[in-house]
Amino acid sequence: MTNDLPVRPDTPCVAVCSTTFDEICRGCGRSVVEVAHWVAMTAEQKEVVWQRILAQGYPRRNT
């Protein structure tokens, strides 16, 4: 079985963690639920999140 998923960092976290105004981290773009469950997510589930956050302009280091 071949893994066709792109090579990504272990996490989209950029150490700019803030969910002050809503449930989305200002640094990585993940929801608080996605952050909390990240380590238990499959590679395919993580890739879905990666595609969404990249399309939305995340991760952002200078927010």
N, C-alpha and C. Protein backbone atom coordinates (compact mmCIF):
# COMPACT_ATOMS: atom_id res chain seq x y z
N MET A 1 0.84 -1.18 0.00
CA MET A 1 0.00 0.00 0.00
C MET A 1 0.89 1.24 0.00
N THR A 2 0.65 2.14 -0.94
CA THR A 2 1.45 3.35 -1.04
C THR A 2 0.77 4.51 -0.33
N ASN A 3 1.58 5.31 0.29
CA ASN A 3 1.06 6.48 0.98
C ASN A 3 1.20 7.67 0.05
N ASP A 4 0.09 8.15 -0.49
CA ASP A 4 0.10 9.25 -1.44
C ASP A 4 -0.06 10.61 -0.76
N LEU A 5 -0.02 10.64 0.56
CA LEU A 5 -0.19 11.90 1.27
C LEU A 5 1.11 12.71 1.21
N PRO A 6 1.00 14.04 1.14
CA PRO A 6 2.22 14.87 1.13
C PRO A 6 2.96 14.77 2.45
N VAL A 7 4.25 15.01 2.39
CA VAL A 7 5.06 15.03 3.61
C VAL A 7 4.80 16.37 4.31
N ARG A 8 4.40 16.30 5.56
CA ARG A 8 4.07 17.50 6.33
C ARG A 8 4.84 17.46 7.66
N PRO A 9 5.01 18.63 8.29
CA PRO A 9 5.55 18.62 9.66
C PRO A 9 4.61 17.84 10.58
N ASP A 10 5.11 17.46 11.74
CA ASP A 10 4.30 16.70 12.70
C ASP A 10 3.04 17.44 13.11
N THR A 11 3.11 18.76 13.15
CA THR A 11 1.97 19.57 13.57
C THR A 11 2.04 20.93 12.89
N PRO A 12 0.90 21.55 12.64
CA PRO A 12 0.92 22.90 12.08
C PRO A 12 1.17 23.99 13.13
N CYS A 13 1.37 23.61 14.38
CA CYS A 13 1.57 24.58 15.45
C CYS A 13 2.80 25.45 15.17
N VAL A 14 2.62 26.76 15.36
CA VAL A 14 3.73 27.71 15.18
C VAL A 14 4.00 28.48 16.48
N ALA A 15 3.50 27.96 17.59
CA ALA A 15 3.70 28.54 18.92
C ALA A 15 3.15 29.96 19.02
N VAL A 16 2.08 30.23 18.27
CA VAL A 16 1.33 31.49 18.39
C VAL A 16 -0.08 31.05 18.75
N CYS A 17 -0.23 30.52 19.94
CA CYS A 17 -1.47 29.89 20.34
C CYS A 17 -2.43 30.89 20.97
N SER A 18 -3.57 31.07 20.34
CA SER A 18 -4.57 31.96 20.91
C SER A 18 -5.93 31.63 20.32
N THR A 19 -6.89 31.40 21.20
CA THR A 19 -8.28 31.22 20.79
C THR A 19 -9.13 32.22 21.55
N THR A 20 -8.58 33.40 21.76
CA THR A 20 -9.23 34.44 22.56
C THR A 20 -10.60 34.85 22.02
N PHE A 21 -10.71 35.01 20.70
CA PHE A 21 -11.92 35.57 20.12
C PHE A 21 -12.89 34.54 19.58
N ASP A 22 -12.42 33.34 19.30
CA ASP A 22 -13.30 32.28 18.81
C ASP A 22 -12.65 30.93 19.07
N GLU A 23 -13.13 29.91 18.43
CA GLU A 23 -12.63 28.55 18.66
C GLU A 23 -11.50 28.15 17.71
N ILE A 24 -10.98 29.12 16.94
CA ILE A 24 -9.92 28.84 15.97
C ILE A 24 -8.62 29.47 16.44
N CYS A 25 -7.55 28.70 16.45
CA CYS A 25 -6.25 29.22 16.86
C CYS A 25 -5.75 30.25 15.85
N ARG A 26 -5.32 31.40 16.33
CA ARG A 26 -4.81 32.47 15.45
C ARG A 26 -3.50 32.08 14.79
N GLY A 27 -2.77 31.14 15.36
CA GLY A 27 -1.48 30.75 14.79
C GLY A 27 -1.58 29.66 13.74
N CYS A 28 -2.24 28.56 14.09
CA CYS A 28 -2.25 27.41 13.18
C CYS A 28 -3.55 27.24 12.42
N GLY A 29 -4.62 27.87 12.86
CA GLY A 29 -5.88 27.77 12.14
C GLY A 29 -6.74 26.58 12.51
N ARG A 30 -6.26 25.75 13.44
CA ARG A 30 -7.06 24.59 13.84
C ARG A 30 -8.07 24.99 14.90
N SER A 31 -9.15 24.23 14.96
CA SER A 31 -10.13 24.44 16.03
C SER A 31 -9.56 23.87 17.32
N VAL A 32 -10.13 24.27 18.45
CA VAL A 32 -9.66 23.74 19.72
C VAL A 32 -9.84 22.23 19.78
N VAL A 33 -10.87 21.70 19.16
CA VAL A 33 -11.09 20.24 19.12
C VAL A 33 -10.00 19.57 18.29
N GLU A 34 -9.66 20.16 17.14
CA GLU A 34 -8.59 19.58 16.31
C GLU A 34 -7.26 19.59 17.03
N VAL A 35 -6.96 20.67 17.74
CA VAL A 35 -5.71 20.74 18.51
C VAL A 35 -5.70 19.65 19.58
N ALA A 36 -6.81 19.52 20.30
CA ALA A 36 -6.89 18.55 21.39
C ALA A 36 -6.78 17.11 20.91
N HIS A 37 -7.29 16.83 19.72
CA HIS A 37 -7.31 15.45 19.21
C HIS A 37 -6.23 15.14 18.19
N TRP A 38 -5.36 16.11 17.91
CA TRP A 38 -4.37 15.97 16.84
C TRP A 38 -3.55 14.68 16.95
N VAL A 39 -3.05 14.37 18.12
CA VAL A 39 -2.18 13.19 18.27
C VAL A 39 -2.92 11.88 18.01
N ALA A 40 -4.24 11.87 18.15
CA ALA A 40 -5.01 10.65 17.93
C ALA A 40 -5.58 10.57 16.52
N MET A 41 -5.43 11.62 15.73
CA MET A 41 -5.99 11.63 14.38
C MET A 41 -5.15 10.79 13.43
N THR A 42 -5.81 10.21 12.42
CA THR A 42 -5.08 9.45 11.40
C THR A 42 -4.38 10.42 10.46
N ALA A 43 -3.45 9.92 9.68
CA ALA A 43 -2.75 10.76 8.71
C ALA A 43 -3.74 11.38 7.73
N GLU A 44 -4.75 10.63 7.35
CA GLU A 44 -5.76 11.14 6.41
C GLU A 44 -6.58 12.26 7.04
N GLN A 45 -6.94 12.10 8.30
CA GLN A 45 -7.70 13.15 9.00
C GLN A 45 -6.84 14.42 9.13
N LYS A 46 -5.58 14.24 9.47
CA LYS A 46 -4.69 15.39 9.58
C LYS A 46 -4.54 16.09 8.24
N GLU A 47 -4.46 15.33 7.15
CA GLU A 47 -4.31 15.92 5.83
C GLU A 47 -5.51 16.78 5.46
N VAL A 48 -6.71 16.35 5.84
CA VAL A 48 -7.91 17.16 5.59
C VAL A 48 -7.77 18.51 6.30
N VAL A 49 -7.29 18.48 7.53
CA VAL A 49 -7.10 19.72 8.29
C VAL A 49 -6.01 20.56 7.63
N TRP A 50 -4.89 19.94 7.27
CA TRP A 50 -3.80 20.65 6.62
C TRP A 50 -4.29 21.36 5.36
N GLN A 51 -5.05 20.67 4.54
CA GLN A 51 -5.53 21.28 3.29
C GLN A 51 -6.40 22.50 3.58
N ARG A 52 -7.28 22.38 4.56
CA ARG A 52 -8.15 23.50 4.91
C ARG A 52 -7.36 24.70 5.44
N ILE A 53 -6.47 24.45 6.39
CA ILE A 53 -5.75 25.58 6.99
C ILE A 53 -4.80 26.24 5.99
N LEU A 54 -4.17 25.45 5.14
CA LEU A 54 -3.29 26.05 4.12
C LEU A 54 -4.11 26.91 3.16
N ALA A 55 -5.28 26.44 2.76
CA ALA A 55 -6.15 27.21 1.86
C ALA A 55 -6.61 28.50 2.51
N GLN A 56 -6.68 28.52 3.83
CA GLN A 56 -7.12 29.71 4.57
C GLN A 56 -5.95 30.63 4.96
N GLY A 57 -4.74 30.28 4.54
CA GLY A 57 -3.58 31.14 4.82
C GLY A 57 -2.86 30.86 6.11
N TYR A 58 -3.11 29.74 6.71
CA TYR A 58 -2.40 29.32 7.92
C TYR A 58 -1.32 28.35 7.53
N PRO A 59 -0.37 28.08 8.41
CA PRO A 59 -0.10 28.69 9.70
C PRO A 59 0.42 30.13 9.53
N ARG A 60 0.14 30.95 10.55
CA ARG A 60 0.56 32.35 10.57
C ARG A 60 1.45 32.58 11.77
N ARG A 61 2.65 33.01 11.50
CA ARG A 61 3.59 33.26 12.59
C ARG A 61 3.46 34.67 13.16
N ASN A 62 3.03 35.60 12.35
CA ASN A 62 2.95 37.01 12.80
C ASN A 62 1.50 37.45 12.85
N THR A 63 0.78 37.04 13.90
CA THR A 63 -0.63 37.41 14.00
C THR A 63 -0.85 38.34 15.17
